[in-house]
PDB file of all heavy atoms in Angstrom:
ATOM      1  N   HIS A   1     -31.226 107.914 142.080  1.00  0.00           N
ATOM      2  CA  HIS A   1     -31.699 108.996 141.231  1.00  0.00           C
ATOM      3  C   HIS A   1     -33.260 109.247 141.381  1.00  0.00           C
ATOM      4  O   HIS A   1     -33.958 108.292 141.544  1.00  0.00           O
ATOM      5  CB  HIS A   1     -31.372 108.682 139.794  1.00  0.00           C
ATOM      6  CG  HIS A   1     -30.000 108.457 139.484  1.00  0.00           C
ATOM      7  ND1 HIS A   1     -29.091 109.394 139.294  1.00  0.00           N
ATOM      8  CD2 HIS A   1     -29.263 107.286 139.467  1.00  0.00           C
ATOM      9  CE1 HIS A   1     -27.895 108.882 139.032  1.00  0.00           C
ATOM     10  NE2 HIS A   1     -27.936 107.629 139.217  1.00  0.00           N
ATOM     11  N   SER A   2     -33.579 110.575 141.554  1.00  0.00           N
ATOM     12  CA  SER A   2     -35.008 110.851 141.668  1.00  0.00           C
ATOM     13  C   SER A   2     -35.342 112.184 141.002  1.00  0.00           C
ATOM     14  O   SER A   2     -34.430 112.906 140.627  1.00  0.00           O
ATOM     15  CB  SER A   2     -35.424 110.782 143.161  1.00  0.00           C
ATOM     16  OG  SER A   2     -34.664 111.728 143.834  1.00  0.00           O
ATOM     17  N   GLU A   3     -36.654 112.589 141.209  1.00  0.00           N
ATOM     18  CA  GLU A   3     -37.171 113.809 140.685  1.00  0.00           C
ATOM     19  C   GLU A   3     -36.938 113.990 139.177  1.00  0.00           C
ATOM     20  O   GLU A   3     -36.242 114.968 138.687  1.00  0.00           O
ATOM     21  CB  GLU A   3     -36.665 114.940 141.493  1.00  0.00           C
ATOM     22  CG  GLU A   3     -37.026 115.024 142.920  1.00  0.00           C
ATOM     23  CD  GLU A   3     -36.671 116.162 143.645  1.00  0.00           C
ATOM     24  OE1 GLU A   3     -36.123 117.197 143.132  1.00  0.00           O
ATOM     25  OE2 GLU A   3     -36.559 116.086 144.955  1.00  0.00           O
ATOM     26  N   PRO A   4     -37.376 113.018 138.337  1.00  0.00           N
ATOM     27  CA  PRO A   4     -37.303 113.216 136.867  1.00  0.00           C
ATOM     28  C   PRO A   4     -38.008 114.373 136.419  1.00  0.00           C
ATOM     29  O   PRO A   4     -39.203 114.687 136.948  1.00  0.00           O
ATOM     30  CB  PRO A   4     -37.806 111.837 136.407  1.00  0.00           C
ATOM     31  CG  PRO A   4     -38.772 111.435 137.327  1.00  0.00           C
ATOM     32  CD  PRO A   4     -38.284 111.853 138.646  1.00  0.00           C
ATOM     33  N   GLY A   5     -37.491 115.098 135.305  1.00  0.00           N
ATOM     34  CA  GLY A   5     -38.259 116.100 134.700  1.00  0.00           C
ATOM     35  C   GLY A   5     -37.490 116.520 133.467  1.00  0.00           C
ATOM     36  O   GLY A   5     -36.257 116.604 133.518  1.00  0.00           O
ATOM     37  N   ASN A   6     -38.121 116.919 132.428  1.00  0.00           N
ATOM     38  CA  ASN A   6     -37.545 117.396 131.249  1.00  0.00           C
ATOM     39  C   ASN A   6     -36.441 116.366 130.755  1.00  0.00           C
ATOM     40  O   ASN A   6     -35.370 116.756 130.392  1.00  0.00           O
ATOM     41  CB  ASN A   6     -36.911 118.734 131.353  1.00  0.00           C
ATOM     42  CG  ASN A   6     -37.995 119.776 131.611  1.00  0.00           C
ATOM     43  OD1 ASN A   6     -39.079 119.695 131.113  1.00  0.00           O
ATOM     44  ND2 ASN A   6     -37.693 120.656 132.574  1.00  0.00           N
ATOM     45  N   GLY A   7     -36.720 115.167 130.829  1.00  0.00           N
ATOM     46  CA  GLY A   7     -35.811 114.051 130.382  1.00  0.00           C
ATOM     47  C   GLY A   7     -34.555 113.694 131.188  1.00  0.00           C
ATOM     48  O   GLY A   7     -33.675 113.056 130.692  1.00  0.00           O
ATOM     49  N   ALA A   8     -34.548 114.195 132.369  1.00  0.00           N
ATOM     50  CA  ALA A   8     -33.244 113.893 133.235  1.00  0.00           C
ATOM     51  C   ALA A   8     -33.753 113.855 134.691  1.00  0.00           C
ATOM     52  O   ALA A   8     -34.779 114.381 135.102  1.00  0.00           O
ATOM     53  CB  ALA A   8     -32.357 115.033 133.138  1.00  0.00           C
ATOM     54  N   TYR A   9     -32.954 113.140 135.593  1.00  0.00           N
ATOM     55  CA  TYR A   9     -33.222 113.184 137.036  1.00  0.00           C
ATOM     56  C   TYR A   9     -32.561 114.452 137.625  1.00  0.00           C
ATOM     57  O   TYR A   9     -31.420 114.832 137.058  1.00  0.00           O
ATOM     58  CB  TYR A   9     -32.452 111.869 137.617  1.00  0.00           C
ATOM     59  CG  TYR A   9     -33.263 110.637 137.363  1.00  0.00           C
ATOM     60  CD1 TYR A   9     -32.714 109.661 136.573  1.00  0.00           C
ATOM     61  CD2 TYR A   9     -34.502 110.434 137.959  1.00  0.00           C
ATOM     62  CE1 TYR A   9     -33.354 108.497 136.350  1.00  0.00           C
ATOM     63  CE2 TYR A   9     -35.201 109.366 137.731  1.00  0.00           C
ATOM     64  CZ  TYR A   9     -34.676 108.217 136.902  1.00  0.00           C
ATOM     65  OH  TYR A   9     -35.349 107.147 136.705  1.00  0.00           O
ATOM     66  N   HIS A  10     -33.166 115.035 138.543  1.00  0.00           N
ATOM     67  CA  HIS A  10     -32.689 116.254 139.069  1.00  0.00           C
ATOM     68  C   HIS A  10     -32.138 116.144 140.548  1.00  0.00           C
ATOM     69  O   HIS A  10     -31.679 117.109 141.033  1.00  0.00           O
ATOM     70  CB  HIS A  10     -33.718 117.403 138.991  1.00  0.00           C
ATOM     71  CG  HIS A  10     -34.167 117.700 137.560  1.00  0.00           C
ATOM     72  ND1 HIS A  10     -33.384 118.494 136.793  1.00  0.00           N
ATOM     73  CD2 HIS A  10     -35.174 117.265 136.819  1.00  0.00           C
ATOM     74  CE1 HIS A  10     -33.964 118.590 135.626  1.00  0.00           C
ATOM     75  NE2 HIS A  10     -35.010 117.833 135.536  1.00  0.00           N
ATOM     76  N   ARG A  11     -32.294 114.922 141.103  1.00  0.00           N
ATOM     77  CA  ARG A  11     -31.703 114.754 142.411  1.00  0.00           C
ATOM     78  C   ARG A  11     -30.909 113.446 142.447  1.00  0.00           C
ATOM     79  O   ARG A  11     -31.443 112.416 141.845  1.00  0.00           O
ATOM     80  CB  ARG A  11     -32.870 114.712 143.397  1.00  0.00           C
ATOM     81  CG  ARG A  11     -32.391 114.332 144.896  1.00  0.00           C
ATOM     82  CD  ARG A  11     -33.539 114.621 145.750  1.00  0.00           C
ATOM     83  NE  ARG A  11     -33.202 115.994 146.317  1.00  0.00           N
ATOM     84  CZ  ARG A  11     -33.875 116.565 147.357  1.00  0.00           C
ATOM     85  NH1 ARG A  11     -34.818 115.833 147.981  1.00  0.00           N
ATOM     86  NH2 ARG A  11     -33.572 117.820 147.716  1.00  0.00           N
ATOM     87  N   ARG A  12     -29.888 113.429 143.172  1.00  0.00           N
ATOM     88  CA  ARG A  12     -29.107 112.168 143.269  1.00  0.00           C
ATOM     89  C   ARG A  12     -28.544 112.134 144.653  1.00  0.00           C
ATOM     90  O   ARG A  12     -27.926 113.006 145.187  1.00  0.00           O
ATOM     91  CB  ARG A  12     -27.961 112.256 142.327  1.00  0.00           C
ATOM     92  CG  ARG A  12     -27.094 110.961 142.380  1.00  0.00           C
ATOM     93  CD  ARG A  12     -25.915 110.935 141.249  1.00  0.00           C
ATOM     94  NE  ARG A  12     -24.988 111.880 141.619  1.00  0.00           N
ATOM     95  CZ  ARG A  12     -23.943 112.283 140.873  1.00  0.00           C
ATOM     96  NH1 ARG A  12     -23.857 111.835 139.728  1.00  0.00           N
ATOM     97  NH2 ARG A  12     -23.058 113.198 141.328  1.00  0.00           N
ATOM     98  N   TRP A  13     -28.760 110.944 145.264  1.00  0.00           N
ATOM     99  CA  TRP A  13     -28.235 110.678 146.588  1.00  0.00           C
ATOM    100  C   TRP A  13     -27.132 109.548 146.370  1.00  0.00           C
ATOM    101  O   TRP A  13     -27.436 108.572 145.661  1.00  0.00           O
ATOM    102  CB  TRP A  13     -29.349 110.156 147.571  1.00  0.00           C
ATOM    103  CG  TRP A  13     -28.866 109.664 148.851  1.00  0.00           C
ATOM    104  CD1 TRP A  13     -28.725 110.483 149.961  1.00  0.00           C
ATOM    105  CD2 TRP A  13     -28.347 108.439 149.173  1.00  0.00           C
ATOM    106  NE1 TRP A  13     -28.130 109.688 151.020  1.00  0.00           N
ATOM    107  CE2 TRP A  13     -27.842 108.459 150.530  1.00  0.00           C
ATOM    108  CE3 TRP A  13     -28.235 107.233 148.511  1.00  0.00           C
ATOM    109  CZ2 TRP A  13     -27.289 107.340 151.211  1.00  0.00           C
ATOM    110  CZ3 TRP A  13     -27.563 106.153 149.174  1.00  0.00           C
ATOM    111  CH2 TRP A  13     -27.252 106.206 150.532  1.00  0.00           C
ATOM    112  N   THR A  14     -26.056 109.715 147.023  1.00  0.00           N
ATOM    113  CA  THR A  14     -24.977 108.617 146.833  1.00  0.00           C
ATOM    114  C   THR A  14     -24.445 108.274 148.278  1.00  0.00           C
ATOM    115  O   THR A  14     -24.540 109.081 149.139  1.00  0.00           O
ATOM    116  CB  THR A  14     -23.844 109.281 146.100  1.00  0.00           C
ATOM    117  OG1 THR A  14     -23.240 110.448 146.740  1.00  0.00           O
ATOM    118  CG2 THR A  14     -24.142 109.539 144.558  1.00  0.00           C
ATOM    119  N   GLY A  15     -24.102 106.970 148.298  1.00  0.00           N
ATOM    120  CA  GLY A  15     -23.639 106.409 149.562  1.00  0.00           C
ATOM    121  C   GLY A  15     -22.820 105.209 149.372  1.00  0.00           C
ATOM    122  O   GLY A  15     -22.526 104.809 148.236  1.00  0.00           O
ATOM    123  N   LYS A  16     -22.475 104.573 150.434  1.00  0.00           N
ATOM    124  CA  LYS A  16     -21.667 103.445 150.233  1.00  0.00           C
ATOM    125  C   LYS A  16     -22.347 102.178 151.018  1.00  0.00           C
ATOM    126  O   LYS A  16     -23.256 102.486 151.851  1.00  0.00           O
ATOM    127  CB  LYS A  16     -20.160 103.552 150.857  1.00  0.00           C
ATOM    128  CG  LYS A  16     -20.188 103.888 152.301  1.00  0.00           C
ATOM    129  CD  LYS A  16     -18.723 104.235 152.633  1.00  0.00           C
ATOM    130  CE  LYS A  16     -18.496 104.560 154.092  1.00  0.00           C
ATOM    131  NZ  LYS A  16     -19.577 105.311 154.714  1.00  0.00           N
ATOM    132  N   PHE A  17     -21.951 101.018 150.701  1.00  0.00           N
ATOM    133  CA  PHE A  17     -22.565  99.864 151.403  1.00  0.00           C
ATOM    134  C   PHE A  17     -22.435 100.044 152.944  1.00  0.00           C
ATOM    135  O   PHE A  17     -21.466 100.465 153.415  1.00  0.00           O
ATOM    136  CB  PHE A  17     -21.916  98.611 150.984  1.00  0.00           C
ATOM    137  CG  PHE A  17     -22.264  98.088 149.630  1.00  0.00           C
ATOM    138  CD1 PHE A  17     -22.916  98.835 148.761  1.00  0.00           C
ATOM    139  CD2 PHE A  17     -21.825  96.768 149.158  1.00  0.00           C
ATOM    140  CE1 PHE A  17     -23.306  98.346 147.433  1.00  0.00           C
ATOM    141  CE2 PHE A  17     -22.085  96.250 147.959  1.00  0.00           C
ATOM    142  CZ  PHE A  17     -22.805  97.107 147.040  1.00  0.00           C
ATOM    143  N   GLY A  18     -23.557  99.905 153.606  1.00  0.00           N
ATOM    144  CA  GLY A  18     -23.531 100.035 155.042  1.00  0.00           C
ATOM    145  C   GLY A  18     -24.504 101.328 155.381  1.00  0.00           C
ATOM    146  O   GLY A  18     -24.915 101.487 156.456  1.00  0.00           O
ATOM    147  N   ASP A  19     -24.521 102.289 154.402  1.00  0.00           N
ATOM    148  CA  ASP A  19     -25.356 103.480 154.549  1.00  0.00           C
ATOM    149  C   ASP A  19     -26.827 103.114 154.474  1.00  0.00           C
ATOM    150  O   ASP A  19     -27.165 102.093 153.839  1.00  0.00           O
ATOM    151  CB  ASP A  19     -24.978 104.535 153.559  1.00  0.00           C
ATOM    152  CG  ASP A  19     -23.547 105.213 153.737  1.00  0.00           C
ATOM    153  OD1 ASP A  19     -23.079 104.975 154.836  1.00  0.00           O
ATOM    154  OD2 ASP A  19     -23.243 105.771 152.787  1.00  0.00           O
ATOM    155  N   THR A  20     -27.643 104.004 154.997  1.00  0.00           N
ATOM    156  CA  THR A  20     -29.087 103.749 154.857  1.00  0.00           C
ATOM    157  C   THR A  20     -29.634 104.726 153.728  1.00  0.00           C
ATOM    158  O   THR A  20     -29.357 105.865 153.744  1.00  0.00           O
ATOM    159  CB  THR A  20     -29.897 104.204 156.250  1.00  0.00           C
ATOM    160  OG1 THR A  20     -29.366 103.336 157.238  1.00  0.00           O
ATOM    161  CG2 THR A  20     -31.276 104.017 156.064  1.00  0.00           C
ATOM    162  N   VAL A  21     -30.299 104.114 152.747  1.00  0.00           N
ATOM    163  CA  VAL A  21     -30.823 104.840 151.654  1.00  0.00           C
ATOM    164  C   VAL A  21     -32.105 105.502 151.934  1.00  0.00           C
ATOM    165  O   VAL A  21     -33.067 104.692 152.291  1.00  0.00           O
ATOM    166  CB  VAL A  21     -30.941 103.938 150.312  1.00  0.00           C
ATOM    167  CG1 VAL A  21     -31.468 104.731 149.146  1.00  0.00           C
ATOM    168  CG2 VAL A  21     -29.571 103.284 150.130  1.00  0.00           C
ATOM    169  N   PRO A  22     -32.314 106.701 151.853  1.00  0.00           N
ATOM    170  CA  PRO A  22     -33.545 107.421 152.083  1.00  0.00           C
ATOM    171  C   PRO A  22     -34.563 107.192 150.886  1.00  0.00           C
ATOM    172  O   PRO A  22     -34.467 108.116 149.940  1.00  0.00           O
ATOM    173  CB  PRO A  22     -33.282 108.798 152.419  1.00  0.00           C
ATOM    174  CG  PRO A  22     -32.021 109.029 151.530  1.00  0.00           C
ATOM    175  CD  PRO A  22     -31.272 107.692 151.594  1.00  0.00           C
ATOM    176  N   VAL A  23     -35.346 106.335 150.683  1.00  0.00           N
ATOM    177  CA  VAL A  23     -36.195 106.107 149.556  1.00  0.00           C
ATOM    178  C   VAL A  23     -37.463 107.018 149.783  1.00  0.00           C
ATOM    179  O   VAL A  23     -38.153 106.879 150.818  1.00  0.00           O
ATOM    180  CB  VAL A  23     -36.693 104.610 149.498  1.00  0.00           C
ATOM    181  CG1 VAL A  23     -37.556 104.453 148.243  1.00  0.00           C
ATOM    182  CG2 VAL A  23     -35.408 103.718 149.360  1.00  0.00           C
ATOM    183  N   PRO A  24     -37.666 107.875 148.878  1.00  0.00           N
ATOM    184  CA  PRO A  24     -38.723 108.879 148.991  1.00  0.00           C
ATOM    185  C   PRO A  24     -40.080 108.346 148.677  1.00  0.00           C
ATOM    186  O   PRO A  24     -40.271 107.168 148.233  1.00  0.00           O
ATOM    187  CB  PRO A  24     -38.342 109.995 148.018  1.00  0.00           C
ATOM    188  CG  PRO A  24     -37.453 109.350 146.992  1.00  0.00           C
ATOM    189  CD  PRO A  24     -36.852 108.157 147.718  1.00  0.00           C
ATOM    190  N   GLU A  25     -41.075 109.076 148.698  1.00  0.00           N
ATOM    191  CA  GLU A  25     -42.519 108.826 148.197  1.00  0.00           C
ATOM    192  C   GLU A  25     -42.409 108.226 146.787  1.00  0.00           C
ATOM    193  O   GLU A  25     -41.636 108.654 146.073  1.00  0.00           O
ATOM    194  CB  GLU A  25     -43.377 110.027 148.252  1.00  0.00           C
ATOM    195  CG  GLU A  25     -43.666 110.559 149.664  1.00  0.00           C
ATOM    196  CD  GLU A  25     -44.437 109.550 150.520  1.00  0.00           C
ATOM    197  OE1 GLU A  25     -45.194 108.674 149.973  1.00  0.00           O
ATOM    198  OE2 GLU A  25     -44.401 109.780 151.767  1.00  0.00           O
ATOM    199  N   PRO A  26     -43.273 107.242 146.497  1.00  0.00           N
ATOM    200  CA  PRO A  26     -44.372 106.837 147.233  1.00  0.00           C
ATOM    201  C   PRO A  26     -43.991 105.713 148.257  1.00  0.00           C
ATOM    202  O   PRO A  26     -45.056 105.258 148.921  1.00  0.00           O
ATOM    203  CB  PRO A  26     -45.297 106.343 146.052  1.00  0.00           C
ATOM    204  CG  PRO A  26     -44.417 105.671 145.090  1.00  0.00           C
ATOM    205  CD  PRO A  26     -43.163 106.704 145.148  1.00  0.00           C
ATOM    206  N   PHE A  27     -42.851 105.387 148.388  1.00  0.00           N
ATOM    207  CA  PHE A  27     -42.520 104.321 149.394  1.00  0.00           C
ATOM    208  C   PHE A  27     -42.205 104.926 150.647  1.00  0.00           C
ATOM    209  O   PHE A  27     -42.646 104.415 151.668  1.00  0.00           O
ATOM    210  CB  PHE A  27     -41.288 103.593 148.818  1.00  0.00           C
ATOM    211  CG  PHE A  27     -41.551 102.839 147.537  1.00  0.00           C
ATOM    212  CD1 PHE A  27     -40.998 103.438 146.364  1.00  0.00           C
ATOM    213  CD2 PHE A  27     -42.318 101.758 147.373  1.00  0.00           C
ATOM    214  CE1 PHE A  27     -41.251 102.888 145.147  1.00  0.00           C
ATOM    215  CE2 PHE A  27     -42.555 101.247 146.278  1.00  0.00           C
ATOM    216  CZ  PHE A  27     -42.079 101.766 145.066  1.00  0.00           C
ATOM    217  N   ALA A  28     -41.400 105.957 150.899  1.00  0.00           N
ATOM    218  CA  ALA A  28     -41.091 106.676 152.105  1.00  0.00           C
ATOM    219  C   ALA A  28     -40.611 105.625 153.171  1.00  0.00           C
ATOM    220  O   ALA A  28     -41.237 105.452 154.252  1.00  0.00           O
ATOM    221  CB  ALA A  28     -42.251 107.513 152.536  1.00  0.00           C
ATOM    222  N   PHE A  29     -39.463 105.092 152.972  1.00  0.00           N
ATOM    223  CA  PHE A  29     -38.810 104.328 153.988  1.00  0.00           C
ATOM    224  C   PHE A  29     -37.356 104.356 153.851  1.00  0.00           C
ATOM    225  O   PHE A  29     -36.821 104.916 152.806  1.00  0.00           O
ATOM    226  CB  PHE A  29     -39.243 102.865 153.898  1.00  0.00           C
ATOM    227  CG  PHE A  29     -38.790 102.123 152.729  1.00  0.00           C
ATOM    228  CD1 PHE A  29     -37.479 101.281 152.867  1.00  0.00           C
ATOM    229  CD2 PHE A  29     -39.421 102.162 151.496  1.00  0.00           C
ATOM    230  CE1 PHE A  29     -37.155 100.589 151.684  1.00  0.00           C
ATOM    231  CE2 PHE A  29     -38.937 101.445 150.370  1.00  0.00           C
ATOM    232  CZ  PHE A  29     -37.824 100.691 150.501  1.00  0.00           C
ATOM    233  N   GLU A  30     -36.555 103.877 154.809  1.00  0.00           N
ATOM    234  CA  GLU A  30     -35.143 103.870 154.804  1.00  0.00           C
ATOM    235  C   GLU A  30     -34.701 102.408 154.517  1.00  0.00           C
ATOM    236  O   GLU A  30     -35.180 101.496 155.226  1.00  0.00           O
ATOM    237  CB  GLU A  30     -34.578 104.280 156.077  1.00  0.00           C
ATOM    238  CG  GLU A  30     -34.802 105.792 156.305  1.00  0.00           C
ATOM    239  CD  GLU A  30     -34.157 106.441 157.517  1.00  0.00           C
ATOM    240  OE1 GLU A  30     -33.621 105.627 158.315  1.00  0.00           O
ATOM    241  OE2 GLU A  30     -34.123 107.663 157.603  1.00  0.00           O
ATOM    242  N   LEU A  31     -33.761 102.216 153.577  1.00  0.00           N
ATOM    243  CA  LEU A  31     -33.345 100.980 153.153  1.00  0.00           C
ATOM    244  C   LEU A  31     -32.058 100.670 153.720  1.00  0.00           C
ATOM    245  O   LEU A  31     -31.054 101.313 153.450  1.00  0.00           O
ATOM    246  CB  LEU A  31     -33.284 100.872 151.589  1.00  0.00           C
ATOM    247  CG  LEU A  31     -32.726  99.615 150.956  1.00  0.00           C
ATOM    248  CD1 LEU A  31     -33.645  98.477 151.219  1.00  0.00           C
ATOM    249  CD2 LEU A  31     -32.523  99.858 149.504  1.00  0.00           C
ATOM    250  N   ALA A  32     -31.973  99.678 154.665  1.00  0.00           N
ATOM    251  CA  ALA A  32     -30.630  99.290 155.255  1.00  0.00           C
ATOM    252  C   ALA A  32     -29.801  98.523 154.254  1.00  0.00           C
ATOM    253  O   ALA A  32     -30.346  97.716 153.468  1.00  0.00           O
ATOM    254  CB  ALA A  32     -30.862  98.483 156.465  1.00  0.00           C
ATOM    255  N   THR A  33     -28.484  98.814 154.178  1.00  0.00           N
ATOM    256  CA  THR A  33     -27.678  98.179 153.102  1.00  0.00           C
ATOM    257  C   THR A  33     -26.415  97.535 153.682  1.00  0.00           C
ATOM    258  O   THR A  33     -25.412  97.458 153.121  1.00  0.00           O
ATOM    259  CB  THR A  33     -27.162  99.246 152.069  1.00  0.00           C
ATOM    260  OG1 THR A  33     -26.381 100.109 152.661  1.00  0.00           O
ATOM    261  CG2 THR A  33     -28.457  99.850 151.360  1.00  0.00           C
ATOM    262  N   SER A  34     -26.613  96.956 154.929  1.00  0.00           N
ATOM    263  CA  SER A  34     -25.391  96.442 155.579  1.00  0.00           C
ATOM    264  C   SER A  34     -25.051  94.990 154.902  1.00  0.00           C
ATOM    265  O   SER A  34     -23.940  94.474 155.184  1.00  0.00           O
ATOM    266  CB  SER A  34     -25.644  96.236 156.947  1.00  0.00           C
ATOM    267  OG  SER A  34     -26.808  95.374 157.206  1.00  0.00           O
ATOM    268  N   GLU A  35     -25.911  94.434 154.287  1.00  0.00           N
ATOM    269  CA  GLU A  35     -25.788  93.056 153.695  1.00  0.00           C
ATOM    270  C   GLU A  35     -25.267  92.872 152.231  1.00  0.00           C
ATOM    271  O   GLU A  35     -24.808  91.763 151.946  1.00  0.00           O
ATOM    272  CB  GLU A  35     -27.052  92.251 153.820  1.00  0.00           C
ATOM    273  CG  GLU A  35     -27.462  92.181 155.279  1.00  0.00           C
ATOM    274  CD  GLU A  35     -26.509  91.450 156.171  1.00  0.00           C
ATOM    275  OE1 GLU A  35     -25.889  90.419 155.647  1.00  0.00           O
ATOM    276  OE2 GLU A  35     -26.338  91.821 157.246  1.00  0.00           O
ATOM    277  N   PRO A  36     -25.224  93.952 151.363  1.00  0.00           N
ATOM    278  CA  PRO A  36     -24.845  93.685 150.048  1.00  0.00           C
ATOM    279  C   PRO A  36     -23.412  93.154 149.990  1.00  0.00           C
ATOM    280  O   PRO A  36     -22.512  93.652 150.704  1.00  0.00           O
ATOM    281  CB  PRO A  36     -24.962  95.096 149.308  1.00  0.00           C
ATOM    282  CG  PRO A  36     -25.928  95.813 150.153  1.00  0.00           C
ATOM    283  CD  PRO A  36     -25.640  95.332 151.568  1.00  0.00           C
ATOM    284  N   LEU A  37     -23.060  92.303 149.011  1.00  0.00           N
ATOM    285  CA  LEU A  37     -21.774  91.731 148.813  1.00  0.00           C
ATOM    286  C   LEU A  37     -21.128  92.425 147.605  1.00  0.00           C
ATOM    287  O   LEU A  37     -21.767  92.788 146.665  1.00  0.00           O
ATOM    288  CB  LEU A  37     -21.900  90.259 148.548  1.00  0.00           C
ATOM    289  CG  LEU A  37     -22.434  89.326 149.719  1.00  0.00           C
ATOM    290  CD1 LEU A  37     -22.572  87.895 149.213  1.00  0.00           C
ATOM    291  CD2 LEU A  37     -21.632  89.497 150.915  1.00  0.00           C
ATOM    292  N   ARG A  38     -19.792  92.593 147.838  1.00  0.00           N
ATOM    293  CA  ARG A  38     -19.066  93.287 146.719  1.00  0.00           C
ATOM    294  C   ARG A  38     -18.610  92.166 145.762  1.00  0.00           C
ATOM    295  O   ARG A  38     -18.403  91.071 146.156  1.00  0.00           O
ATOM    296  CB  ARG A  38     -17.891  93.990 147.330  1.00  0.00           C
ATOM    297  CG  ARG A  38     -18.382  95.127 148.181  1.00  0.00           C
ATOM    298  CD  ARG A  38     -17.526  96.219 148.279  1.00  0.00           C
ATOM    299  NE  ARG A  38     -16.707  96.649 147.186  1.00  0.00           N
ATOM    300  CZ  ARG A  38     -15.807  97.563 147.165  1.00  0.00           C
ATOM    301  NH1 ARG A  38     -15.372  97.986 148.439  1.00  0.00           N
ATOM    302  NH2 ARG A  38     -15.129  97.921 146.204  1.00  0.00           N
ATOM    303  N   TYR A  39     -18.369  92.560 144.470  1.00  0.00           N
ATOM    304  CA  TYR A  39     -17.806  91.620 143.554  1.00  0.00           C
ATOM    305  C   TYR A  39     -16.323  91.332 143.971  1.00  0.00           C
ATOM    306  O   TYR A  39     -15.643  92.246 144.538  1.00  0.00           O
ATOM    307  CB  TYR A  39     -17.674  92.178 142.129  1.00  0.00           C
ATOM    308  CG  TYR A  39     -19.024  92.384 141.520  1.00  0.00           C
ATOM    309  CD1 TYR A  39     -19.315  93.471 140.807  1.00  0.00           C
ATOM    310  CD2 TYR A  39     -20.041  91.338 141.600  1.00  0.00           C
ATOM    311  CE1 TYR A  39     -20.571  93.566 140.117  1.00  0.00           C
ATOM    312  CE2 TYR A  39     -21.241  91.537 140.991  1.00  0.00           C
ATOM    313  CZ  TYR A  39     -21.477  92.638 140.181  1.00  0.00           C
ATOM    314  OH  TYR A  39     -22.762  92.813 139.609  1.00  0.00           O
ATOM    315  N   PRO A  40     -15.793  90.170 143.739  1.00  0.00           N
ATOM    316  CA  PRO A  40     -14.328  89.956 144.087  1.00  0.00           C
ATOM    317  C   PRO A  40     -13.490  90.927 143.186  1.00  0.00           C
ATOM    318  O   PRO A  40     -13.836  91.210 142.194  1.00  0.00           O
ATOM    319  CB  PRO A  40     -14.128  88.511 143.586  1.00  0.00           C
ATOM    320  CG  PRO A  40     -15.489  87.921 143.377  1.00  0.00           C
ATOM    321  CD  PRO A  40     -16.400  89.058 143.159  1.00  0.00           C
ATOM    322  N   ALA A  41     -12.397  91.305 143.891  1.00  0.00           N
ATOM    323  CA  ALA A  41     -11.400  92.086 143.116  1.00  0.00           C
ATOM    324  C   ALA A  41     -10.912  91.373 141.899  1.00  0.00           C
ATOM    325  O   ALA A  41     -10.649  90.167 141.901  1.00  0.00           O
ATOM    326  CB  ALA A  41     -10.294  92.373 144.081  1.00  0.00           C
ATOM    327  N   ASP A  42     -10.824  92.215 140.845  1.00  0.00           N
ATOM    328  CA  ASP A  42     -10.261  91.689 139.559  1.00  0.00           C
ATOM    329  C   ASP A  42      -8.774  91.446 139.719  1.00  0.00           C
ATOM    330  O   ASP A  42      -8.042  92.305 140.019  1.00  0.00           O
ATOM    331  CB  ASP A  42     -10.544  92.685 138.443  1.00  0.00           C
ATOM    332  CG  ASP A  42     -10.072  92.132 137.056  1.00  0.00           C
ATOM    333  OD1 ASP A  42     -10.590  91.082 136.668  1.00  0.00           O
ATOM    334  OD2 ASP A  42      -9.196  92.732 136.480  1.00  0.00           O
ATOM    335  N   ARG A  43      -8.357  90.113 139.570  1.00  0.00           N
ATOM    336  CA  ARG A  43      -6.972  89.846 139.762  1.00  0.00           C
ATOM    337  C   ARG A  43      -6.173  90.068 138.461  1.00  0.00           C
ATOM    338  O   ARG A  43      -4.921  90.024 138.601  1.00  0.00           O
ATOM    339  CB  ARG A  43      -6.812  88.481 140.221  1.00  0.00           C
ATOM    340  CG  ARG A  43      -7.495  88.192 141.510  1.00  0.00           C
ATOM    341  CD  ARG A  43      -7.425  86.761 141.960  1.00  0.00           C
ATOM    342  NE  ARG A  43      -8.382  86.627 143.041  1.00  0.00           N
ATOM    343  CZ  ARG A  43      -8.040  85.844 144.167  1.00  0.00           C
ATOM    344  NH1 ARG A  43      -6.900  85.300 144.201  1.00  0.00           N
ATOM    345  NH2 ARG A  43      -8.860  85.793 145.142  1.00  0.00           N
TER     346      ARG A  43
END
């Protein structure tokens, strides 16, 4: 979530594990997400 204003975020990027997250300024880099682990399935 990014671009807050008037009490809400105005931009949302969504993806899945393995996608690269485009982190905007002030950081301005791409976050690789190939390593996150999922929670085990609820049996």
